Amino acid sequence: MERKHERLATPRAAGVAGVVFAILMAVAIVLVRTALPDGADGDEVTLDAAQRGTVRTALELLPFAGIAFLWFMGALREQAREGEDRFVSTVFLGSGLVFVATLFGAAAAAGTVLDESQQGSPFGRDFAYTLLTTYAMRMAAVFVITTSTIGRRLGALPRPLVVLGYLAGLTLLVVGADVPWSELVFPAWALVVSLDILWGRRTAGTRPTAPN
């Protein structure tokens, strides 16, 4: 009975963690893009107090976004464990972990723009944008594609959401840093998947049980 209760609680954990990650990640991206709108263009960086405060807020949110993503990823993997393909599951796990590591690296690099002694040097900003838009989003693309593949094979995701996942993954993989704000595709996808998980659990919970 206890094991069954744990398995039934997993979808809710995945859904809630996914929603938290999506919101925190989207807010952090918007804050960074607003404070540093030009990206890695080689221009000198001179931030006023308001811009530094915006970047600082974004950097404070990113660790919690990473933690929520790890919880989201773990809960999804737990759901797929009984029918998972080892190869796809390994790529799923690896891409998720590398995404979080790269995300934290980008946050550390972006933190250098808060150091007044580094004002005027574009290195920290450029390095942060490269890590986020080129590397982290590529790993996010692989994660989205593998999650959609697992969801399609196990029938855990509806067909429209699988197609949406493949389109989102290809967008992140191909577009990358070429289109500003394209990073928001990943948290948007995570939010849609998480809401679908929560809605599916709610529907299952309200569905009448057949009499014995």
N, C-alpha and C. Protein backbone atom coordinates (compact mmCIF):
# COMPACT_ATOMS: atom_id res chain seq x y z
N MET A 1 0.83 -1.20 0.00
CA MET A 1 0.00 0.00 0.00
C MET A 1 0.87 1.26 0.00
N GLU A 2 1.94 1.24 0.80
CA GLU A 2 2.83 2.41 0.89
C GLU A 2 3.51 2.67 -0.44
N ARG A 3 3.97 1.59 -1.11
CA ARG A 3 4.63 1.75 -2.40
C ARG A 3 3.66 2.29 -3.43
N LYS A 4 2.41 1.82 -3.39
CA LYS A 4 1.41 2.30 -4.33
C LYS A 4 1.16 3.79 -4.11
N HIS A 5 1.11 4.20 -2.85
CA HIS A 5 0.89 5.61 -2.55
C HIS A 5 2.02 6.46 -3.10
N GLU A 6 3.27 6.00 -3.01
CA GLU A 6 4.41 6.74 -3.54
C GLU A 6 4.32 6.88 -5.05
N ARG A 7 3.92 5.81 -5.74
CA ARG A 7 3.81 5.85 -7.18
C ARG A 7 2.71 6.81 -7.62
N LEU A 8 1.60 6.83 -6.86
CA LEU A 8 0.51 7.73 -7.21
C LEU A 8 0.88 9.19 -6.97
N ALA A 9 1.80 9.44 -6.02
CA ALA A 9 2.19 10.81 -5.71
C ALA A 9 3.19 11.37 -6.71
N THR A 10 3.87 10.49 -7.47
CA THR A 10 4.92 10.94 -8.37
C THR A 10 4.44 11.90 -9.45
N PRO A 11 3.31 11.65 -10.14
CA PRO A 11 2.88 12.61 -11.16
C PRO A 11 2.64 14.00 -10.61
N ARG A 12 2.08 14.09 -9.42
CA ARG A 12 1.85 15.40 -8.82
C ARG A 12 3.18 16.10 -8.54
N ALA A 13 4.17 15.35 -8.05
CA ALA A 13 5.49 15.93 -7.80
C ALA A 13 6.10 16.46 -9.08
N ALA A 14 5.99 15.68 -10.16
CA ALA A 14 6.53 16.13 -11.44
C ALA A 14 5.82 17.37 -11.94
N GLY A 15 4.50 17.39 -11.82
CA GLY A 15 3.75 18.53 -12.30
C GLY A 15 4.05 19.80 -11.53
N VAL A 16 4.06 19.71 -10.21
CA VAL A 16 4.33 20.89 -9.38
C VAL A 16 5.75 21.40 -9.60
N ALA A 17 6.73 20.48 -9.61
CA ALA A 17 8.12 20.89 -9.82
C ALA A 17 8.30 21.51 -11.19
N GLY A 18 7.63 20.97 -12.20
CA GLY A 18 7.73 21.53 -13.54
C GLY A 18 7.17 22.93 -13.62
N VAL A 19 6.06 23.17 -12.95
CA VAL A 19 5.47 24.51 -12.95
C VAL A 19 6.39 25.50 -12.25
N VAL A 20 6.95 25.09 -11.11
CA VAL A 20 7.87 25.97 -10.37
C VAL A 20 9.10 26.28 -11.23
N PHE A 21 9.67 25.25 -11.87
CA PHE A 21 10.83 25.48 -12.73
C PHE A 21 10.50 26.43 -13.87
N ALA A 22 9.37 26.19 -14.54
CA ALA A 22 9.00 27.00 -15.69
C ALA A 22 8.86 28.47 -15.32
N ILE A 23 8.20 28.74 -14.20
CA ILE A 23 7.99 30.12 -13.78
C ILE A 23 9.30 30.79 -13.40
N LEU A 24 10.11 30.12 -12.57
CA LEU A 24 11.37 30.71 -12.14
C LEU A 24 12.33 30.92 -13.31
N MET A 25 12.41 29.94 -14.19
CA MET A 25 13.31 30.04 -15.33
C MET A 25 12.88 31.16 -16.28
N ALA A 26 11.59 31.25 -16.54
CA ALA A 26 11.10 32.29 -17.44
C ALA A 26 11.34 33.68 -16.85
N VAL A 27 11.08 33.84 -15.56
CA VAL A 27 11.29 35.13 -14.91
C VAL A 27 12.77 35.51 -14.96
N ALA A 28 13.66 34.55 -14.68
CA ALA A 28 15.09 34.82 -14.71
C ALA A 28 15.56 35.24 -16.10
N ILE A 29 15.07 34.55 -17.13
CA ILE A 29 15.45 34.88 -18.50
C ILE A 29 14.99 36.29 -18.85
N VAL A 30 13.75 36.61 -18.50
CA VAL A 30 13.22 37.94 -18.81
C VAL A 30 14.02 39.02 -18.09
N LEU A 31 14.36 38.78 -16.83
CA LEU A 31 15.13 39.77 -16.07
C LEU A 31 16.51 40.00 -16.69
N VAL A 32 17.19 38.89 -17.05
CA VAL A 32 18.53 39.02 -17.64
C VAL A 32 18.45 39.70 -19.00
N ARG A 33 17.48 39.29 -19.82
CA ARG A 33 17.33 39.91 -21.14
C ARG A 33 16.99 41.39 -21.04
N THR A 34 16.25 41.75 -20.01
CA THR A 34 15.87 43.15 -19.83
C THR A 34 17.06 43.99 -19.37
N ALA A 35 17.85 43.43 -18.46
CA ALA A 35 19.00 44.17 -17.94
C ALA A 35 20.16 44.20 -18.94
N LEU A 36 20.33 43.11 -19.70
CA LEU A 36 21.42 43.01 -20.69
C LEU A 36 20.82 42.70 -22.05
N PRO A 37 20.17 43.66 -22.68
CA PRO A 37 19.37 43.39 -23.87
C PRO A 37 20.16 43.08 -25.12
N ASP A 38 21.42 43.47 -25.18
CA ASP A 38 22.14 43.34 -26.44
C ASP A 38 22.84 42.01 -26.63
N GLY A 39 22.97 41.22 -25.57
CA GLY A 39 23.62 39.92 -25.69
C GLY A 39 25.09 40.05 -25.95
N ALA A 40 25.66 39.01 -26.57
CA ALA A 40 27.11 38.94 -26.76
C ALA A 40 27.52 39.65 -28.04
N ASP A 41 27.54 40.99 -27.98
CA ASP A 41 27.89 41.73 -29.19
C ASP A 41 29.24 42.42 -29.07
N GLY A 42 29.92 42.19 -27.96
CA GLY A 42 31.26 42.74 -27.82
C GLY A 42 31.30 44.16 -27.30
N ASP A 43 30.13 44.80 -27.07
CA ASP A 43 30.13 46.16 -26.56
C ASP A 43 30.54 46.18 -25.09
N GLU A 44 31.01 47.30 -24.64
CA GLU A 44 31.37 47.42 -23.24
C GLU A 44 30.12 47.38 -22.36
N VAL A 45 30.27 46.85 -21.17
CA VAL A 45 29.17 46.69 -20.23
C VAL A 45 29.31 47.72 -19.12
N THR A 46 28.33 48.58 -18.98
CA THR A 46 28.30 49.52 -17.87
C THR A 46 26.88 49.49 -17.32
N LEU A 47 26.71 48.91 -16.15
CA LEU A 47 25.39 48.75 -15.57
C LEU A 47 25.16 49.77 -14.47
N ASP A 48 23.95 50.31 -14.46
CA ASP A 48 23.59 51.19 -13.35
C ASP A 48 23.07 50.33 -12.20
N ALA A 49 22.69 50.98 -11.11
CA ALA A 49 22.27 50.25 -9.92
C ALA A 49 21.02 49.42 -10.18
N ALA A 50 20.08 49.95 -10.96
CA ALA A 50 18.84 49.23 -11.25
C ALA A 50 19.12 47.97 -12.06
N GLN A 51 20.01 48.08 -13.06
CA GLN A 51 20.35 46.91 -13.87
C GLN A 51 21.07 45.85 -13.06
N ARG A 52 21.97 46.26 -12.19
CA ARG A 52 22.66 45.29 -11.34
C ARG A 52 21.68 44.60 -10.40
N GLY A 53 20.71 45.36 -9.89
CA GLY A 53 19.70 44.76 -9.03
C GLY A 53 18.85 43.74 -9.78
N THR A 54 18.55 44.03 -11.05
CA THR A 54 17.77 43.11 -11.86
C THR A 54 18.53 41.82 -12.11
N VAL A 55 19.81 41.96 -12.47
CA VAL A 55 20.64 40.78 -12.70
C VAL A 55 20.80 39.98 -11.41
N ARG A 56 20.98 40.65 -10.30
CA ARG A 56 21.15 39.96 -9.01
C ARG A 56 19.90 39.16 -8.67
N THR A 57 18.73 39.72 -8.92
CA THR A 57 17.48 39.00 -8.66
C THR A 57 17.38 37.75 -9.53
N ALA A 58 17.76 37.89 -10.80
CA ALA A 58 17.72 36.74 -11.70
C ALA A 58 18.66 35.64 -11.23
N LEU A 59 19.85 36.03 -10.80
CA LEU A 59 20.83 35.04 -10.34
C LEU A 59 20.39 34.36 -9.06
N GLU A 60 19.62 35.05 -8.24
CA GLU A 60 19.10 34.43 -7.02
C GLU A 60 18.00 33.42 -7.32
N LEU A 61 17.31 33.60 -8.44
CA LEU A 61 16.23 32.68 -8.82
C LEU A 61 16.76 31.42 -9.48
N LEU A 62 17.87 31.53 -10.22
CA LEU A 62 18.35 30.40 -11.02
C LEU A 62 18.68 29.14 -10.21
N PRO A 63 19.32 29.23 -9.04
CA PRO A 63 19.56 27.99 -8.28
C PRO A 63 18.28 27.25 -7.93
N PHE A 64 17.24 27.99 -7.56
CA PHE A 64 15.97 27.35 -7.24
C PHE A 64 15.32 26.76 -8.48
N ALA A 65 15.49 27.43 -9.62
CA ALA A 65 14.99 26.88 -10.88
C ALA A 65 15.70 25.57 -11.20
N GLY A 66 17.01 25.52 -10.98
CA GLY A 66 17.77 24.29 -11.22
C GLY A 66 17.34 23.16 -10.32
N ILE A 67 17.11 23.46 -9.04
CA ILE A 67 16.66 22.44 -8.09
C ILE A 67 15.29 21.91 -8.50
N ALA A 68 14.38 22.81 -8.87
CA ALA A 68 13.04 22.39 -9.30
C ALA A 68 13.13 21.53 -10.56
N PHE A 69 14.05 21.87 -11.45
CA PHE A 69 14.20 21.08 -12.67
C PHE A 69 14.69 19.67 -12.36
N LEU A 70 15.64 19.55 -11.43
CA LEU A 70 16.12 18.22 -11.04
C LEU A 70 14.99 17.39 -10.46
N TRP A 71 14.15 18.01 -9.66
CA TRP A 71 13.00 17.30 -9.09
C TRP A 71 12.03 16.89 -10.20
N PHE A 72 11.80 17.80 -11.14
CA PHE A 72 10.94 17.54 -12.29
C PHE A 72 11.47 16.37 -13.11
N MET A 73 12.75 16.40 -13.39
CA MET A 73 13.38 15.34 -14.17
C MET A 73 13.32 14.00 -13.45
N GLY A 74 13.61 14.00 -12.15
CA GLY A 74 13.58 12.76 -11.39
C GLY A 74 12.20 12.15 -11.32
N ALA A 75 11.18 13.00 -11.15
CA ALA A 75 9.81 12.49 -11.09
C ALA A 75 9.38 11.93 -12.44
N LEU A 76 9.77 12.57 -13.52
CA LEU A 76 9.46 12.05 -14.85
C LEU A 76 10.13 10.70 -15.07
N ARG A 77 11.38 10.58 -14.67
CA ARG A 77 12.12 9.33 -14.85
C ARG A 77 11.51 8.20 -14.02
N GLU A 78 11.04 8.53 -12.84
CA GLU A 78 10.40 7.53 -11.99
C GLU A 78 9.13 6.99 -12.65
N GLN A 79 8.39 7.87 -13.32
CA GLN A 79 7.18 7.44 -13.99
C GLN A 79 7.48 6.51 -15.16
N ALA A 80 8.61 6.73 -15.84
CA ALA A 80 8.94 5.96 -17.04
C ALA A 80 9.80 4.74 -16.74
N ARG A 81 10.14 4.52 -15.48
CA ARG A 81 11.13 3.51 -15.13
C ARG A 81 10.77 2.12 -15.60
N GLU A 82 9.53 1.71 -15.46
CA GLU A 82 9.16 0.34 -15.75
C GLU A 82 9.22 0.01 -17.24
N GLY A 83 9.05 1.01 -18.09
CA GLY A 83 9.04 0.72 -19.52
C GLY A 83 10.08 1.50 -20.30
N GLU A 84 11.09 2.03 -19.62
CA GLU A 84 12.04 2.91 -20.28
C GLU A 84 13.02 2.13 -21.16
N ASP A 85 13.44 2.78 -22.21
CA ASP A 85 14.52 2.28 -23.05
C ASP A 85 15.84 2.80 -22.48
N ARG A 86 16.81 1.92 -22.30
CA ARG A 86 18.05 2.32 -21.61
C ARG A 86 18.79 3.43 -22.36
N PHE A 87 18.85 3.32 -23.68
CA PHE A 87 19.58 4.33 -24.45
C PHE A 87 18.91 5.70 -24.32
N VAL A 88 17.60 5.74 -24.59
CA VAL A 88 16.88 7.01 -24.52
C VAL A 88 16.90 7.56 -23.10
N SER A 89 16.77 6.66 -22.10
CA SER A 89 16.78 7.10 -20.72
C SER A 89 18.13 7.69 -20.32
N THR A 90 19.21 7.11 -20.83
CA THR A 90 20.54 7.64 -20.54
C THR A 90 20.73 9.03 -21.13
N VAL A 91 20.27 9.21 -22.37
CA VAL A 91 20.36 10.52 -23.02
C VAL A 91 19.48 11.53 -22.27
N PHE A 92 18.30 11.09 -21.86
CA PHE A 92 17.38 11.93 -21.08
C PHE A 92 18.06 12.42 -19.81
N LEU A 93 18.63 11.49 -19.05
CA LEU A 93 19.27 11.85 -17.78
C LEU A 93 20.51 12.71 -17.99
N GLY A 94 21.34 12.34 -18.96
CA GLY A 94 22.57 13.09 -19.22
C GLY A 94 22.30 14.51 -19.67
N SER A 95 21.36 14.67 -20.60
CA SER A 95 21.06 16.02 -21.10
C SER A 95 20.50 16.91 -20.00
N GLY A 96 19.67 16.33 -19.12
CA GLY A 96 19.12 17.12 -18.03
C GLY A 96 20.18 17.58 -17.06
N LEU A 97 21.10 16.68 -16.70
CA LEU A 97 22.16 17.04 -15.76
C LEU A 97 23.13 18.06 -16.36
N VAL A 98 23.48 17.88 -17.64
CA VAL A 98 24.37 18.85 -18.29
C VAL A 98 23.69 20.20 -18.42
N PHE A 99 22.38 20.20 -18.67
CA PHE A 99 21.64 21.47 -18.75
C PHE A 99 21.76 22.23 -17.43
N VAL A 100 21.53 21.55 -16.31
CA VAL A 100 21.60 22.22 -15.02
C VAL A 100 23.02 22.72 -14.75
N ALA A 101 24.03 21.90 -15.05
CA ALA A 101 25.41 22.31 -14.84
C ALA A 101 25.75 23.54 -15.69
N THR A 102 25.32 23.54 -16.93
CA THR A 102 25.60 24.68 -17.82
C THR A 102 24.83 25.91 -17.38
N LEU A 103 23.60 25.70 -16.90
CA LEU A 103 22.80 26.83 -16.40
C LEU A 103 23.50 27.49 -15.22
N PHE A 104 24.02 26.70 -14.30
CA PHE A 104 24.72 27.26 -13.15
C PHE A 104 26.02 27.94 -13.59
N GLY A 105 26.68 27.39 -14.60
CA GLY A 105 27.88 28.04 -15.14
C GLY A 105 27.56 29.38 -15.75
N ALA A 106 26.46 29.46 -16.47
CA ALA A 106 26.05 30.73 -17.07
C ALA A 106 25.72 31.75 -15.98
N ALA A 107 25.08 31.27 -14.89
CA ALA A 107 24.76 32.18 -13.79
C ALA A 107 26.03 32.72 -13.14
N ALA A 108 27.02 31.85 -12.95
CA ALA A 108 28.28 32.29 -12.35
C ALA A 108 28.98 33.31 -13.24
N ALA A 109 28.95 33.08 -14.55
CA ALA A 109 29.58 34.03 -15.47
C ALA A 109 28.84 35.36 -15.48
N ALA A 110 27.50 35.30 -15.45
CA ALA A 110 26.72 36.53 -15.43
C ALA A 110 26.95 37.32 -14.16
N GLY A 111 27.30 36.61 -13.08
CA GLY A 111 27.54 37.29 -11.82
C GLY A 111 28.73 38.22 -11.85
N THR A 112 29.63 38.02 -12.81
CA THR A 112 30.81 38.89 -12.88
C THR A 112 30.45 40.32 -13.26
N VAL A 113 29.29 40.51 -13.94
CA VAL A 113 28.92 41.88 -14.32
C VAL A 113 28.48 42.68 -13.11
N LEU A 114 28.26 42.01 -11.97
CA LEU A 114 27.87 42.73 -10.76
C LEU A 114 29.08 43.30 -10.04
N ASP A 115 30.27 42.84 -10.41
CA ASP A 115 31.49 43.33 -9.79
C ASP A 115 31.86 44.67 -10.42
N GLU A 116 31.84 45.71 -9.63
CA GLU A 116 32.11 47.05 -10.17
C GLU A 116 33.52 47.15 -10.75
N SER A 117 34.44 46.34 -10.26
CA SER A 117 35.80 46.37 -10.79
C SER A 117 35.86 45.80 -12.20
N GLN A 118 34.82 45.04 -12.60
CA GLN A 118 34.78 44.45 -13.93
C GLN A 118 33.92 45.25 -14.90
N GLN A 119 33.36 46.37 -14.42
CA GLN A 119 32.52 47.18 -15.29
C GLN A 119 33.34 47.67 -16.49
N GLY A 120 32.74 47.57 -17.66
CA GLY A 120 33.41 47.96 -18.90
C GLY A 120 33.95 46.77 -19.66
N SER A 121 34.06 45.60 -19.01
CA SER A 121 34.52 44.40 -19.69
C SER A 121 33.32 43.54 -20.10
N PRO A 122 33.20 43.19 -21.39
CA PRO A 122 32.05 42.42 -21.84
C PRO A 122 32.23 40.91 -21.67
N PHE A 123 33.36 40.46 -21.13
CA PHE A 123 33.65 39.03 -21.11
C PHE A 123 32.60 38.23 -20.35
N GLY A 124 32.29 38.67 -19.11
CA GLY A 124 31.34 37.91 -18.30
C GLY A 124 29.99 37.79 -18.95
N ARG A 125 29.49 38.89 -19.50
CA ARG A 125 28.19 38.88 -20.15
C ARG A 125 28.20 38.00 -21.38
N ASP A 126 29.23 38.15 -22.21
CA ASP A 126 29.31 37.36 -23.44
C ASP A 126 29.42 35.87 -23.14
N PHE A 127 30.23 35.54 -22.14
CA PHE A 127 30.40 34.14 -21.76
C PHE A 127 29.10 33.55 -21.23
N ALA A 128 28.37 34.34 -20.43
CA ALA A 128 27.10 33.88 -19.88
C ALA A 128 26.08 33.64 -20.99
N TYR A 129 26.00 34.56 -21.94
CA TYR A 129 25.06 34.39 -23.04
C TYR A 129 25.42 33.19 -23.90
N THR A 130 26.71 32.95 -24.11
CA THR A 130 27.12 31.80 -24.90
C THR A 130 26.75 30.50 -24.21
N LEU A 131 27.01 30.42 -22.92
CA LEU A 131 26.65 29.21 -22.16
C LEU A 131 25.15 28.97 -22.19
N LEU A 132 24.38 30.05 -22.01
CA LEU A 132 22.93 29.89 -21.92
C LEU A 132 22.29 29.60 -23.26
N THR A 133 22.58 30.43 -24.26
CA THR A 133 21.87 30.33 -25.53
C THR A 133 22.44 29.27 -26.47
N THR A 134 23.73 28.95 -26.33
CA THR A 134 24.34 27.99 -27.25
C THR A 134 24.41 26.59 -26.65
N TYR A 135 24.84 26.49 -25.40
CA TYR A 135 25.07 25.17 -24.81
C TYR A 135 23.90 24.68 -23.96
N ALA A 136 23.45 25.50 -23.02
CA ALA A 136 22.35 25.07 -22.16
C ALA A 136 21.09 24.79 -22.98
N MET A 137 20.78 25.64 -23.95
CA MET A 137 19.57 25.43 -24.73
C MET A 137 19.68 24.24 -25.67
N ARG A 138 20.90 23.90 -26.11
CA ARG A 138 21.07 22.67 -26.90
C ARG A 138 20.79 21.45 -26.04
N MET A 139 21.27 21.46 -24.80
CA MET A 139 20.98 20.36 -23.89
C MET A 139 19.50 20.30 -23.56
N ALA A 140 18.89 21.48 -23.43
CA ALA A 140 17.45 21.52 -23.20
C ALA A 140 16.70 20.91 -24.39
N ALA A 141 17.19 21.17 -25.59
CA ALA A 141 16.56 20.61 -26.79
C ALA A 141 16.61 19.09 -26.76
N VAL A 142 17.76 18.53 -26.41
CA VAL A 142 17.89 17.08 -26.32
C VAL A 142 16.96 16.52 -25.25
N PHE A 143 16.86 17.22 -24.12
CA PHE A 143 15.97 16.78 -23.05
C PHE A 143 14.52 16.78 -23.51
N VAL A 144 14.10 17.83 -24.20
CA VAL A 144 12.73 17.91 -24.69
C VAL A 144 12.43 16.79 -25.68
N ILE A 145 13.36 16.55 -26.60
CA ILE A 145 13.14 15.52 -27.63
C ILE A 145 13.09 14.13 -27.00
N THR A 146 13.99 13.83 -26.08
CA THR A 146 13.99 12.51 -25.45
C THR A 146 12.75 12.32 -24.56
N THR A 147 12.34 13.37 -23.86
CA THR A 147 11.13 13.28 -23.05
C THR A 147 9.92 13.01 -23.93
N SER A 148 9.85 13.70 -25.06
CA SER A 148 8.74 13.48 -25.99
C SER A 148 8.77 12.07 -26.56
N THR A 149 9.97 11.56 -26.82
CA THR A 149 10.10 10.20 -27.34
C THR A 149 9.63 9.17 -26.31
N ILE A 150 10.05 9.35 -25.06
CA ILE A 150 9.62 8.44 -24.00
C ILE A 150 8.12 8.53 -23.81
N GLY A 151 7.59 9.75 -23.81
CA GLY A 151 6.15 9.94 -23.65
C GLY A 151 5.35 9.31 -24.77
N ARG A 152 5.90 9.36 -26.00
CA ARG A 152 5.20 8.74 -27.13
C ARG A 152 5.23 7.22 -27.04
N ARG A 153 6.38 6.66 -26.69
CA ARG A 153 6.50 5.20 -26.62
C ARG A 153 5.65 4.58 -25.53
N LEU A 154 5.56 5.29 -24.40
CA LEU A 154 4.79 4.76 -23.27
C LEU A 154 3.33 5.20 -23.29
N GLY A 155 2.99 6.10 -24.22
CA GLY A 155 1.63 6.62 -24.27
C GLY A 155 1.32 7.55 -23.12
N ALA A 156 2.36 8.12 -22.49
CA ALA A 156 2.16 8.98 -21.33
C ALA A 156 1.81 10.41 -21.72
N LEU A 157 2.14 10.81 -22.95
CA LEU A 157 1.85 12.15 -23.42
C LEU A 157 0.90 12.07 -24.61
N PRO A 158 -0.08 12.97 -24.67
CA PRO A 158 -0.98 12.99 -25.84
C PRO A 158 -0.21 13.36 -27.11
N ARG A 159 -0.73 12.90 -28.24
CA ARG A 159 -0.02 13.13 -29.50
C ARG A 159 0.26 14.61 -29.78
N PRO A 160 -0.70 15.53 -29.57
CA PRO A 160 -0.39 16.95 -29.82
C PRO A 160 0.78 17.46 -28.98
N LEU A 161 0.89 16.97 -27.74
CA LEU A 161 1.99 17.41 -26.88
C LEU A 161 3.31 16.80 -27.31
N VAL A 162 3.27 15.59 -27.86
CA VAL A 162 4.49 14.98 -28.41
C VAL A 162 4.98 15.79 -29.61
N VAL A 163 4.06 16.13 -30.50
CA VAL A 163 4.43 16.93 -31.68
C VAL A 163 4.96 18.29 -31.24
N LEU A 164 4.29 18.90 -30.26
CA LEU A 164 4.76 20.19 -29.75
C LEU A 164 6.16 20.06 -29.17
N GLY A 165 6.43 18.95 -28.48
CA GLY A 165 7.75 18.73 -27.91
C GLY A 165 8.83 18.63 -28.97
N TYR A 166 8.55 17.88 -30.02
CA TYR A 166 9.53 17.76 -31.11
C TYR A 166 9.78 19.12 -31.77
N LEU A 167 8.73 19.90 -31.97
CA LEU A 167 8.89 21.22 -32.57
C LEU A 167 9.70 22.15 -31.66
N ALA A 168 9.40 22.09 -30.35
CA ALA A 168 10.14 22.92 -29.40
C ALA A 168 11.60 22.50 -29.35
N GLY A 169 11.85 21.19 -29.34
CA GLY A 169 13.23 20.71 -29.31
C GLY A 169 14.01 21.12 -30.54
N LEU A 170 13.41 21.00 -31.71
CA LEU A 170 14.08 21.41 -32.94
C LEU A 170 14.33 22.91 -32.96
N THR A 171 13.39 23.67 -32.43
CA THR A 171 13.57 25.13 -32.37
C THR A 171 14.77 25.49 -31.50
N LEU A 172 14.86 24.88 -30.33
CA LEU A 172 15.99 25.15 -29.44
C LEU A 172 17.30 24.65 -30.03
N LEU A 173 17.26 23.54 -30.74
CA LEU A 173 18.47 22.95 -31.30
C LEU A 173 19.00 23.74 -32.48
N VAL A 174 18.10 24.22 -33.34
CA VAL A 174 18.52 24.86 -34.59
C VAL A 174 18.66 26.37 -34.43
N VAL A 175 17.68 26.99 -33.75
CA VAL A 175 17.67 28.45 -33.66
C VAL A 175 18.76 28.95 -32.74
N GLY A 176 18.78 28.41 -31.49
CA GLY A 176 19.81 28.79 -30.54
C GLY A 176 19.85 30.29 -30.29
N ALA A 177 21.06 30.84 -30.40
CA ALA A 177 21.26 32.26 -30.09
C ALA A 177 20.88 33.18 -31.23
N ASP A 178 20.47 32.63 -32.37
CA ASP A 178 20.17 33.47 -33.52
C ASP A 178 18.92 34.32 -33.33
N VAL A 179 17.99 33.84 -32.51
CA VAL A 179 16.74 34.57 -32.27
C VAL A 179 16.66 34.92 -30.79
N PRO A 180 16.72 36.20 -30.42
CA PRO A 180 16.61 36.59 -29.01
C PRO A 180 15.29 36.12 -28.41
N TRP A 181 15.32 35.79 -27.16
CA TRP A 181 14.16 35.34 -26.39
C TRP A 181 13.73 33.92 -26.74
N SER A 182 14.44 33.24 -27.64
CA SER A 182 14.05 31.87 -27.97
C SER A 182 14.23 30.92 -26.78
N GLU A 183 15.02 31.34 -25.77
CA GLU A 183 15.21 30.50 -24.58
C GLU A 183 13.90 30.26 -23.83
N LEU A 184 12.92 31.14 -24.03
CA LEU A 184 11.65 30.99 -23.34
C LEU A 184 10.85 29.79 -23.84
N VAL A 185 11.26 29.22 -24.97
CA VAL A 185 10.57 28.04 -25.49
C VAL A 185 10.66 26.89 -24.49
N PHE A 186 11.80 26.74 -23.84
CA PHE A 186 11.98 25.61 -22.92
C PHE A 186 11.08 25.71 -21.70
N PRO A 187 11.10 26.82 -20.94
CA PRO A 187 10.16 26.88 -19.80
C PRO A 187 8.70 26.84 -20.22
N ALA A 188 8.39 27.36 -21.41
CA ALA A 188 7.01 27.28 -21.89
C ALA A 188 6.60 25.83 -22.12
N TRP A 189 7.50 25.05 -22.73
CA TRP A 189 7.22 23.62 -22.93
C TRP A 189 7.07 22.91 -21.59
N ALA A 190 7.97 23.17 -20.65
CA ALA A 190 7.90 22.53 -19.34
C ALA A 190 6.59 22.87 -18.63
N LEU A 191 6.12 24.10 -18.79
CA LEU A 191 4.86 24.49 -18.16
C LEU A 191 3.69 23.73 -18.77
N VAL A 192 3.66 23.60 -20.09
CA VAL A 192 2.57 22.89 -20.76
C VAL A 192 2.56 21.42 -20.34
N VAL A 193 3.73 20.79 -20.32
CA VAL A 193 3.82 19.38 -19.92
C VAL A 193 3.38 19.21 -18.47
N SER A 194 3.83 20.10 -17.60
CA SER A 194 3.49 19.99 -16.18
C SER A 194 2.00 20.16 -15.95
N LEU A 195 1.39 21.12 -16.63
CA LEU A 195 -0.05 21.32 -16.50
C LEU A 195 -0.82 20.11 -17.03
N ASP A 196 -0.32 19.50 -18.10
CA ASP A 196 -0.95 18.30 -18.63
C ASP A 196 -0.87 17.16 -17.62
N ILE A 197 0.29 17.03 -16.95
CA ILE A 197 0.45 15.99 -15.93
C ILE A 197 -0.51 16.22 -14.77
N LEU A 198 -0.60 17.47 -14.31
CA LEU A 198 -1.50 17.78 -13.20
C LEU A 198 -2.96 17.60 -13.60
N TRP A 199 -3.29 17.98 -14.82
CA TRP A 199 -4.67 17.83 -15.28
C TRP A 199 -5.02 16.35 -15.43
N GLY A 200 -4.07 15.56 -15.92
CA GLY A 200 -4.32 14.13 -16.05
C GLY A 200 -4.51 13.47 -14.71
N ARG A 201 -3.73 13.90 -13.70
CA ARG A 201 -3.88 13.34 -12.35
C ARG A 201 -5.22 13.75 -11.76
N ARG A 202 -5.62 15.00 -12.00
CA ARG A 202 -6.90 15.46 -11.47
C ARG A 202 -8.05 14.68 -12.11
N THR A 203 -7.95 14.45 -13.43
CA THR A 203 -8.99 13.70 -14.11
C THR A 203 -9.07 12.28 -13.60
N ALA A 204 -7.89 11.67 -13.39
CA ALA A 204 -7.85 10.30 -12.89
C ALA A 204 -8.40 10.22 -11.48
N GLY A 205 -8.13 11.28 -10.69
CA GLY A 205 -8.60 11.27 -9.31
C GLY A 205 -10.08 11.46 -9.18
N THR A 206 -10.71 12.13 -10.16
CA THR A 206 -12.15 12.37 -10.10
C THR A 206 -12.94 11.35 -10.88
N ARG A 207 -12.22 10.45 -11.61
CA ARG A 207 -12.92 9.43 -12.39
C ARG A 207 -13.54 8.40 -11.46
N PRO A 208 -14.85 8.08 -11.61
CA PRO A 208 -15.46 7.09 -10.73
C PRO A 208 -14.86 5.72 -10.91
N THR A 209 -14.67 5.02 -9.80
CA THR A 209 -14.11 3.66 -9.85
C THR A 209 -15.21 2.65 -10.09
N ALA A 210 -14.87 1.59 -10.81
CA ALA A 210 -15.83 0.55 -11.12
C ALA A 210 -16.10 -0.28 -9.87
N PRO A 211 -17.34 -0.68 -9.64
CA PRO A 211 -17.64 -1.51 -8.47
C PRO A 211 -17.02 -2.89 -8.61
N ASN A 212 -16.62 -3.45 -7.49
CA ASN A 212 -16.02 -4.78 -7.49
C ASN A 212 -17.09 -5.84 -7.74
